[in-house]
Amino acid sequence: MSLRAARPYAWSAVLHVGVLALLGIGASFTRPEAVQPMPIEAVIVDASVIEALALERRVDDQRRREAARQREREQQARLERERLDAEVAHRENAQRQQREQAAMESRRRADADAQRKSEDAAAKRKAEAAAAARRKAEAEATAKRKTDEAAARKKAEADASAKRKADAEARERAQRESELQARLADEERRAAAVASGARVQYVALIQARIQRNWIRPASARSGLKCVVKVTQIPGGEVVGASLGACNGDETVKQSIISAVLKSSPLPAPPDPSLFERNLVIEFVPED
């Protein structure tokens, strides 16, 4: 018989024995007189069954202890998991707080940086505006200075030009007056020289030199008379000669021109005032 199959019979036997014992005890209290022997129904229990029951109880006890230990281990494991979960939650909470704190710090730094940049930009704009205003003022001052300098130069140039013009006009007036005085003086000397017969003498000297240098051609007839135009420079050098009215032929005319050129330089006038660049004289040779 198996252990599980014998188990109901064993418990039944034990129950009967217990009941009988209780009845015996109860009878001893209610009936003090002698108890009549009663027939006892004996139940024979196999020792192997008892041993099996004891083993079963030990096994059950072992199982209960093992279950209790298992429950304890599970409880400890659950507590450990809870502790670990709490630690993880604590770490995660701390990390979240750190992240939040870092984010707040980052936002604070970003806000401070933005504020600093805004202040720097405002300061830069202000400095640039001040610099632009300064440059504008300097440019305006430079332009005004240049305008004033240009106006001053223009005025100085105008004044200098006016002074130069006035000086030139004064010099021209003085020159004209000097030349006028010189011409007047020269004319006076010339007039005096002419009045004194000096010009007649000067012209006679020129006529005489030309006649001495003239070679009379065969075609020249008596009563020859020609007007000679002579151009000279100071010193008497003849630079040009031509004839005006002349009653001689071409050979005669050419001979007279040759005589004039050969007479260069002409005699100097007795008075410098008698010098004439262009002379007109009569050529009348002796027959």
Protein backbone atom coordinates (compact mmCIF):
# COMPACT_ATOMS: atom_id res chain seq x y z
CA MET A 1 0.00 0.00 0.00
CA SER A 2 1.33 3.45 -0.89
CA LEU A 3 1.83 6.16 1.62
CA ARG A 4 -0.94 8.39 0.28
CA ALA A 5 -3.33 5.38 0.07
CA ALA A 6 -2.67 4.34 3.68
CA ARG A 7 -2.98 7.85 5.03
CA PRO A 8 -6.85 7.84 5.48
CA TYR A 9 -6.79 4.52 7.33
CA ALA A 10 -4.09 5.72 9.65
CA TRP A 11 -5.95 8.83 10.60
CA SER A 12 -9.12 6.85 11.12
CA ALA A 13 -7.38 4.48 13.51
CA VAL A 14 -5.85 7.29 15.44
CA LEU A 15 -9.26 8.99 15.67
CA HIS A 16 -10.91 5.87 17.04
CA VAL A 17 -8.22 5.40 19.64
CA GLY A 18 -8.62 9.01 20.72
CA VAL A 19 -12.36 8.72 21.02
CA LEU A 20 -12.10 5.61 23.07
CA ALA A 21 -9.63 7.24 25.37
CA LEU A 22 -11.90 10.20 25.93
CA LEU A 23 -14.82 7.97 26.64
CA GLY A 24 -12.75 6.06 29.16
CA ILE A 25 -11.73 9.23 30.89
CA GLY A 26 -15.31 10.57 30.92
CA ALA A 27 -16.57 7.37 32.36
CA SER A 28 -14.12 7.48 35.16
CA PHE A 29 -15.58 10.82 36.25
CA THR A 30 -19.24 9.95 35.97
CA ARG A 31 -19.11 6.52 37.33
CA PRO A 32 -16.93 6.10 40.33
CA GLU A 33 -18.16 2.62 40.81
CA ALA A 34 -16.43 -0.16 39.22
CA VAL A 35 -16.54 -0.13 35.51
CA GLN A 36 -17.68 -3.07 33.77
CA PRO A 37 -15.26 -4.22 31.23
CA MET A 38 -16.34 -3.52 27.74
CA PRO A 39 -15.22 -5.30 24.78
CA ILE A 40 -12.54 -3.32 22.87
CA GLU A 41 -12.39 -3.35 19.19
CA ALA A 42 -8.78 -3.51 18.39
CA VAL A 43 -7.40 -1.75 15.32
CA ILE A 44 -4.09 -3.00 14.17
CA VAL A 45 -1.96 -0.27 12.63
CA ASP A 46 0.94 -1.25 10.55
CA ALA A 47 4.26 0.18 11.81
CA SER A 48 5.31 1.02 8.31
CA VAL A 49 2.24 3.17 8.01
CA ILE A 50 3.12 5.03 11.19
CA GLU A 51 6.65 5.51 9.98
CA ALA A 52 5.34 6.69 6.67
CA LEU A 53 3.07 9.14 8.42
CA ALA A 54 5.96 10.41 10.49
CA LEU A 55 8.04 10.72 7.37
CA GLU A 56 5.21 12.52 5.70
CA ARG A 57 4.94 14.89 8.61
CA ARG A 58 8.66 15.50 8.49
CA VAL A 59 8.46 16.05 4.80
CA ASP A 60 5.53 18.39 5.30
CA ASP A 61 7.43 20.18 8.03
CA GLN A 62 10.43 20.36 5.76
CA ARG A 63 8.25 21.67 2.99
CA ARG A 64 6.69 24.23 5.29
CA ARG A 65 10.09 25.31 6.53
CA GLU A 66 11.35 25.39 2.95
CA ALA A 67 8.24 27.35 1.93
CA ALA A 68 8.80 29.68 4.88
CA ARG A 69 12.46 30.08 3.88
CA GLN A 70 11.37 30.54 0.30
CA ARG A 71 8.87 33.15 1.42
CA GLU A 72 11.58 34.74 3.53
CA ARG A 73 13.97 34.67 0.57
CA GLU A 74 11.27 36.09 -1.65
CA GLN A 75 10.53 38.71 0.98
CA GLN A 76 14.22 39.53 1.21
CA ALA A 77 14.45 39.55 -2.57
CA ARG A 78 11.38 41.77 -2.74
CA LEU A 79 12.86 44.03 -0.08
CA GLU A 80 16.19 44.00 -1.96
CA ARG A 81 14.40 44.82 -5.18
CA GLU A 82 12.49 47.54 -3.41
CA ARG A 83 15.77 48.82 -1.94
CA LEU A 84 17.43 48.65 -5.32
CA ASP A 85 14.40 50.26 -6.93
CA ALA A 86 14.48 52.94 -4.23
CA GLU A 87 18.20 53.46 -4.86
CA VAL A 88 17.60 53.59 -8.62
CA ALA A 89 14.70 55.98 -8.06
CA HIS A 90 16.89 58.03 -5.71
CA ARG A 91 19.73 58.08 -8.23
CA GLU A 92 17.33 58.89 -11.04
CA ASN A 93 15.76 61.61 -8.92
CA ALA A 94 19.20 62.95 -8.03
CA GLN A 95 20.25 62.77 -11.70
CA ARG A 96 17.00 64.44 -12.73
CA GLN A 97 17.60 67.14 -10.15
CA GLN A 98 21.19 67.47 -11.41
CA ARG A 99 19.93 67.68 -14.99
CA GLU A 100 17.32 70.20 -13.98
CA GLN A 101 19.94 72.13 -12.01
CA ALA A 102 22.33 71.91 -14.97
CA ALA A 103 19.54 73.01 -17.32
CA MET A 104 18.70 75.88 -15.00
CA GLU A 105 22.38 76.79 -14.79
CA SER A 106 22.69 76.51 -18.57
CA ARG A 107 19.62 78.71 -19.02
CA ARG A 108 21.03 81.12 -16.46
CA ARG A 109 24.37 81.22 -18.27
CA ALA A 110 22.57 81.52 -21.62
CA ASP A 111 20.43 84.34 -20.25
CA ALA A 112 23.52 86.00 -18.78
CA ASP A 113 25.40 85.51 -22.04
CA ALA A 114 22.47 86.87 -24.01
CA GLN A 115 22.25 89.82 -21.62
CA ARG A 116 25.99 90.38 -21.91
CA LYS A 117 25.83 90.13 -25.71
CA SER A 118 22.87 92.51 -25.74
CA GLU A 119 24.74 94.94 -23.51
CA ASP A 120 27.89 94.53 -25.62
CA ALA A 121 25.86 95.10 -28.80
CA ALA A 122 24.23 98.16 -27.27
CA ALA A 123 27.63 99.44 -26.14
CA LYS A 124 29.07 98.71 -29.58
CA ARG A 125 26.17 100.51 -31.28
CA LYS A 126 26.63 103.42 -28.91
CA ALA A 127 30.38 103.48 -29.56
CA GLU A 128 29.81 103.21 -33.31
CA ALA A 129 27.25 106.00 -33.16
CA ALA A 130 29.67 108.13 -31.16
CA ALA A 131 32.48 107.30 -33.59
CA ALA A 132 30.22 108.08 -36.55
CA ALA A 133 29.20 111.36 -34.95
CA ARG A 134 32.85 112.13 -34.24
CA ARG A 135 33.84 111.24 -37.81
CA LYS A 136 30.97 113.36 -39.13
CA ALA A 137 32.01 116.28 -36.95
CA GLU A 138 35.64 115.83 -38.03
CA ALA A 139 34.59 115.58 -41.67
CA GLU A 140 32.45 118.69 -41.33
CA ALA A 141 35.28 120.49 -39.56
CA THR A 142 37.73 119.33 -42.25
CA ALA A 143 35.34 120.38 -45.00
CA LYS A 144 34.81 123.75 -43.31
CA ARG A 145 38.54 124.17 -42.85
CA LYS A 146 39.16 123.26 -46.49
CA THR A 147 36.39 125.62 -47.57
CA ASP A 148 37.81 128.38 -45.41
CA GLU A 149 41.32 127.64 -46.67
CA ALA A 150 40.08 127.58 -50.28
CA ALA A 151 38.24 130.86 -49.71
CA ALA A 152 41.33 132.32 -48.05
CA ARG A 153 43.53 131.07 -50.90
CA LYS A 154 41.07 132.42 -53.44
CA LYS A 155 40.96 135.76 -51.66
CA ALA A 156 44.75 135.79 -51.33
CA GLU A 157 45.08 134.88 -55.01
CA ALA A 158 42.53 137.54 -55.93
CA ASP A 159 44.34 140.05 -53.76
CA ALA A 160 47.69 138.99 -55.21
CA SER A 161 46.27 139.07 -58.72
CA ALA A 162 44.78 142.49 -58.08
CA LYS A 163 48.09 143.64 -56.63
CA ARG A 164 50.01 142.15 -59.55
CA LYS A 165 47.58 143.78 -61.94
CA ALA A 166 47.82 147.08 -60.13
CA ASP A 167 51.63 146.77 -60.01
CA ALA A 168 51.70 145.83 -63.70
CA GLU A 169 49.42 148.70 -64.55
CA ALA A 170 51.58 151.01 -62.46
CA ARG A 171 54.71 149.67 -64.17
CA GLU A 172 53.04 150.02 -67.57
CA ARG A 173 51.98 153.55 -66.73
CA ALA A 174 55.46 154.29 -65.51
CA GLN A 175 56.91 152.61 -68.60
CA ARG A 176 54.57 154.50 -70.87
CA GLU A 177 55.35 157.70 -69.09
CA SER A 178 59.05 156.92 -69.27
CA GLU A 179 58.79 156.01 -72.93
CA LEU A 180 56.68 159.06 -73.55
CA GLN A 181 59.22 161.20 -71.78
CA ALA A 182 61.99 159.45 -73.72
CA ARG A 183 60.14 159.95 -77.00
CA LEU A 184 59.44 163.54 -76.13
CA ALA A 185 63.04 164.03 -75.22
CA ASP A 186 64.13 162.18 -78.36
CA GLU A 187 61.74 164.20 -80.47
CA GLU A 188 62.99 167.33 -78.86
CA ARG A 189 66.59 166.32 -79.53
CA ARG A 190 65.61 165.21 -83.06
CA ALA A 191 63.76 168.46 -83.65
CA ALA A 192 66.73 170.36 -82.35
CA ALA A 193 69.05 168.26 -84.52
CA VAL A 194 66.83 168.76 -87.54
CA ALA A 195 66.60 172.45 -86.82
CA SER A 196 70.32 172.62 -86.54
CA GLY A 197 70.75 170.95 -89.98
CA ALA A 198 72.24 167.76 -88.51
CA ARG A 199 69.71 165.50 -90.29
CA VAL A 200 70.45 167.15 -93.61
CA GLN A 201 74.11 166.54 -92.94
CA TYR A 202 73.35 162.85 -91.95
CA VAL A 203 71.36 162.23 -95.14
CA ALA A 204 74.07 163.92 -97.20
CA LEU A 205 76.66 161.55 -95.71
CA ILE A 206 74.53 158.53 -96.71
CA GLN A 207 73.94 159.93 -100.20
CA ALA A 208 77.63 160.57 -100.67
CA ARG A 209 78.58 156.99 -99.62
CA ILE A 210 76.02 155.47 -101.96
CA GLN A 211 77.24 157.64 -104.86
CA ARG A 212 80.86 156.63 -104.17
CA ASN A 213 79.87 152.94 -104.31
CA TRP A 214 77.73 153.37 -107.42
CA ILE A 215 79.14 152.19 -110.70
CA ARG A 216 77.46 154.18 -113.43
CA PRO A 217 76.17 151.94 -116.18
CA ALA A 218 76.39 153.01 -119.86
CA SER A 219 72.62 153.35 -120.08
CA ALA A 220 72.49 155.96 -117.35
CA ARG A 221 71.49 159.30 -118.82
CA SER A 222 71.88 162.76 -117.42
CA GLY A 223 69.19 164.05 -115.13
CA LEU A 224 68.87 160.65 -113.33
CA LYS A 225 66.73 160.88 -110.22
CA CYS A 226 65.49 157.96 -108.05
CA VAL A 227 63.86 157.62 -104.64
CA VAL A 228 65.77 155.04 -102.54
CA LYS A 229 64.13 153.19 -99.58
CA VAL A 230 66.68 151.79 -97.12
CA THR A 231 66.03 149.59 -94.09
CA GLN A 232 68.81 149.51 -91.51
CA ILE A 233 69.39 148.32 -87.97
CA PRO A 234 71.28 150.09 -85.18
CA GLY A 235 74.90 150.22 -86.23
CA GLY A 236 74.00 151.14 -89.81
CA GLU A 237 73.84 147.61 -91.25
CA VAL A 238 71.55 147.59 -94.30
CA VAL A 239 68.99 144.77 -94.17
CA GLY A 240 66.85 145.87 -97.14
CA ALA A 241 66.80 148.23 -100.11
CA SER A 242 64.26 149.13 -102.77
CA LEU A 243 63.48 151.93 -105.19
CA GLY A 244 60.49 154.18 -105.43
CA ALA A 245 60.05 156.55 -108.34
CA CYS A 246 63.04 156.26 -110.68
CA ASN A 247 63.63 157.47 -114.27
CA GLY A 248 66.37 154.91 -115.00
CA ASP A 249 66.12 151.58 -116.70
CA GLU A 250 66.42 148.24 -114.96
CA THR A 251 70.19 148.18 -115.28
CA VAL A 252 70.42 151.56 -113.61
CA LYS A 253 67.99 150.58 -110.91
CA GLN A 254 69.95 147.39 -110.15
CA SER A 255 73.18 149.34 -110.01
CA ILE A 256 71.66 151.73 -107.43
CA ILE A 257 70.43 148.80 -105.23
CA SER A 258 73.92 147.24 -105.42
CA ALA A 259 75.47 150.56 -104.37
CA VAL A 260 73.16 150.80 -101.35
CA LEU A 261 73.98 147.28 -100.19
CA LYS A 262 77.67 147.86 -100.76
CA SER A 263 77.47 151.01 -98.60
CA SER A 264 76.53 148.97 -95.49
CA PRO A 265 77.15 149.85 -92.76
CA LEU A 266 75.83 153.32 -93.30
CA PRO A 267 77.39 156.32 -91.56
CA ALA A 268 76.22 156.89 -87.99
CA PRO A 269 74.09 159.94 -87.36
CA PRO A 270 75.78 162.82 -85.54
CA ASP A 271 72.98 162.62 -82.97
CA PRO A 272 71.49 159.22 -81.99
CA SER A 273 68.02 160.79 -82.09
CA LEU A 274 68.40 161.10 -85.85
CA PHE A 275 68.61 157.33 -86.37
CA GLU A 276 65.75 155.99 -88.47
CA ARG A 277 65.21 152.38 -89.25
CA ASN A 278 63.48 153.19 -92.52
CA LEU A 279 65.14 155.95 -94.53
CA VAL A 280 63.82 157.53 -97.70
CA ILE A 281 66.46 159.47 -99.62
CA GLU A 282 66.91 160.84 -103.15
CA PHE A 283 69.62 159.47 -105.36
CA VAL A 284 70.64 162.28 -107.80
CA PRO A 285 74.14 161.59 -109.16
CA GLU A 286 76.26 164.28 -110.71
CA ASP A 287 76.28 164.22 -114.50
